[in-house]
Amino acid sequence: MTLLLSREDVAPLIGPKEAIDVTEILVREEVEGTVTHMPPLGGAMPGRRTEIRIVAGSLYGLGRTGFRGGYGTGVATVYDTNTRDLLAVLGYPFSQLRVGASMALGARYLARPDARVVGYLGSGGQRAGYSPVPCGRAAHRAR
């Protein structure tokens, strides 16, 4: 049975720690070659408003594939890669959390062990989704 979930249903289901953990699984699958990406469809044209943007991909190690589309926050679909069943259609409130998890994962592996200041350069509005504890250790300052 396909789940139909609103943004409000989905938003409390995953926090920063879980997002970082899932992002790490995704990166490991990329290294293993079990991820496929579809080039984004849509976007903005010079002098025009932004059009609907659609992105898609598959995580064969996790047995999932899907796409999301909309104007920044939209809807996502999730399919089972083995049975091809549609598992869920859901509101997608995770853009900032997804970007923040990527940044936190980078900090986890690339920051010096003694680093205690987190800098957010050129992050714009995405800063709101970043965790103040990006790599599982306390930061004394976030800038």
Protein backbone atom coordinates (compact mmCIF):
# COMPACT_ATOMS: atom_id res chain seq x y z
CA MET A 1 0.00 0.00 0.00
CA THR A 2 1.39 3.40 -0.99
CA LEU A 3 1.82 5.94 1.79
CA LEU A 4 0.62 9.48 1.14
CA LEU A 5 2.31 11.87 3.56
CA SER A 6 2.14 15.64 3.85
CA ARG A 7 5.12 17.87 4.62
CA GLU A 8 3.80 18.17 8.16
CA ASP A 9 3.66 14.36 8.48
CA VAL A 10 7.23 13.94 7.26
CA ALA A 11 9.09 16.88 8.86
CA PRO A 12 9.41 15.44 12.40
CA LEU A 13 10.57 12.02 11.15
CA ILE A 14 14.22 12.93 10.58
CA GLY A 15 16.53 15.30 12.42
CA PRO A 16 20.10 16.44 11.79
CA LYS A 17 21.79 13.32 13.23
CA GLU A 18 19.66 10.94 11.15
CA ALA A 19 20.15 13.09 8.05
CA ILE A 20 23.93 12.92 8.49
CA ASP A 21 23.79 9.12 8.97
CA VAL A 22 21.65 8.65 5.83
CA THR A 23 23.93 10.96 3.84
CA GLU A 24 26.91 8.86 4.90
CA ILE A 25 25.15 5.72 3.62
CA LEU A 26 24.48 7.49 0.33
CA VAL A 27 28.14 8.54 -0.03
CA ARG A 28 29.29 4.98 0.68
CA GLU A 29 26.91 3.69 -2.00
CA GLU A 30 28.33 6.23 -4.43
CA VAL A 31 31.83 4.90 -3.74
CA GLU A 32 30.58 1.34 -4.26
CA GLY A 33 28.95 2.31 -7.57
CA THR A 34 25.39 1.41 -6.54
CA VAL A 35 23.95 4.89 -7.07
CA THR A 36 22.49 6.29 -10.28
CA HIS A 37 21.64 9.93 -10.93
CA MET A 38 19.36 11.45 -13.50
CA PRO A 39 20.42 14.90 -14.66
CA PRO A 40 18.09 17.58 -13.26
CA LEU A 41 15.20 18.64 -15.45
CA GLY A 42 13.96 22.22 -15.41
CA GLY A 43 15.43 25.22 -13.68
CA ALA A 44 15.53 28.92 -14.42
CA MET A 45 16.04 30.67 -17.75
CA PRO A 46 17.60 34.15 -17.92
CA GLY A 47 14.93 36.81 -17.41
CA ARG A 48 12.23 34.30 -16.41
CA ARG A 49 10.84 32.93 -13.21
CA THR A 50 12.11 29.64 -11.88
CA GLU A 51 10.42 26.64 -13.43
CA ILE A 52 9.64 23.38 -11.69
CA ARG A 53 12.83 21.41 -11.13
CA ILE A 54 12.88 17.60 -11.06
CA VAL A 55 15.76 15.45 -9.79
CA ALA A 56 15.90 11.67 -9.55
CA GLY A 57 18.21 8.88 -8.54
CA SER A 58 18.50 5.37 -7.17
CA LEU A 59 20.20 3.76 -4.17
CA TYR A 60 20.37 0.14 -5.21
CA GLY A 61 22.10 -0.93 -2.00
CA LEU A 62 19.10 0.35 -0.06
CA GLY A 63 16.68 -0.89 -2.71
CA ARG A 64 15.12 2.52 -3.30
CA THR A 65 14.64 4.88 -6.22
CA GLY A 66 12.60 8.00 -6.72
CA PHE A 67 12.31 11.57 -7.78
CA ARG A 68 11.41 14.88 -6.27
CA GLY A 69 10.12 17.96 -7.96
CA GLY A 70 8.76 21.38 -7.27
CA TYR A 71 9.77 24.92 -6.54
CA GLY A 72 12.49 24.28 -3.93
CA THR A 73 10.14 22.37 -1.65
CA GLY A 74 7.81 20.04 -3.42
CA VAL A 75 6.91 16.39 -3.47
CA ALA A 76 8.96 13.22 -3.62
CA THR A 77 8.17 9.67 -4.63
CA VAL A 78 9.90 6.55 -3.35
CA TYR A 79 9.85 3.20 -5.16
CA ASP A 80 11.20 -0.26 -4.30
CA THR A 81 13.91 -1.09 -6.87
CA ASN A 82 13.21 -4.83 -6.67
CA THR A 83 9.41 -4.94 -6.86
CA ARG A 84 9.01 -1.54 -8.59
CA ASP A 85 6.18 -0.80 -6.15
CA LEU A 86 5.44 2.84 -5.35
CA LEU A 87 6.08 3.01 -1.61
CA ALA A 88 5.32 6.65 -0.85
CA VAL A 89 4.35 10.04 -2.18
CA LEU A 90 5.40 12.65 0.32
CA GLY A 91 5.84 16.33 0.91
CA TYR A 92 9.51 17.24 0.79
CA PRO A 93 10.62 19.65 3.53
CA PHE A 94 14.25 18.46 3.61
CA SER A 95 16.24 20.70 1.24
CA GLN A 96 18.03 22.65 3.98
CA LEU A 97 18.49 19.54 6.11
CA ARG A 98 19.92 17.61 3.14
CA VAL A 99 22.46 20.34 2.32
CA GLY A 100 23.33 20.77 6.00
CA ALA A 101 23.92 17.02 6.37
CA SER A 102 26.32 17.07 3.41
CA MET A 103 28.28 19.93 4.98
CA ALA A 104 28.33 18.23 8.38
CA LEU A 105 29.56 14.98 6.88
CA GLY A 106 32.36 16.87 5.15
CA ALA A 107 33.29 18.51 8.46
CA ARG A 108 33.24 15.13 10.21
CA TYR A 109 35.89 13.71 7.90
CA LEU A 110 37.84 16.78 6.78
CA ALA A 111 38.08 19.00 9.88
CA ARG A 112 41.07 18.78 12.16
CA PRO A 113 40.32 16.73 15.30
CA ASP A 114 40.91 19.78 17.50
CA ALA A 115 38.72 22.16 15.44
CA ARG A 116 36.14 23.96 17.56
CA VAL A 117 34.87 26.72 15.23
CA VAL A 118 32.47 26.04 12.38
CA GLY A 119 32.45 28.54 9.51
CA TYR A 120 29.63 28.85 6.99
CA LEU A 121 30.93 30.72 3.96
CA GLY A 122 28.52 31.61 1.18
CA SER A 123 25.73 29.55 2.70
CA GLY A 124 22.98 32.16 2.31
CA GLY A 125 19.57 30.93 3.41
CA GLN A 126 20.82 27.35 3.69
CA ARG A 127 22.51 28.16 7.02
CA ALA A 128 19.22 27.57 8.85
CA GLY A 129 19.36 23.84 8.12
CA TYR A 130 22.89 23.32 9.41
CA SER A 131 23.39 21.59 12.70
CA PRO A 132 25.40 23.50 15.31
CA VAL A 133 27.12 20.18 16.10
CA PRO A 134 28.00 19.14 12.56
CA CYS A 135 30.31 16.21 13.11
CA GLY A 136 29.36 14.66 16.42
CA ARG A 137 31.54 16.91 18.55
CA ALA A 138 30.84 20.19 20.27
CA ALA A 139 31.68 23.37 18.42
CA HIS A 140 32.53 26.35 20.62
CA ARG A 141 31.48 28.82 17.93
CA ALA A 142 29.57 28.86 14.67
CA ARG A 143 30.25 31.71 12.28
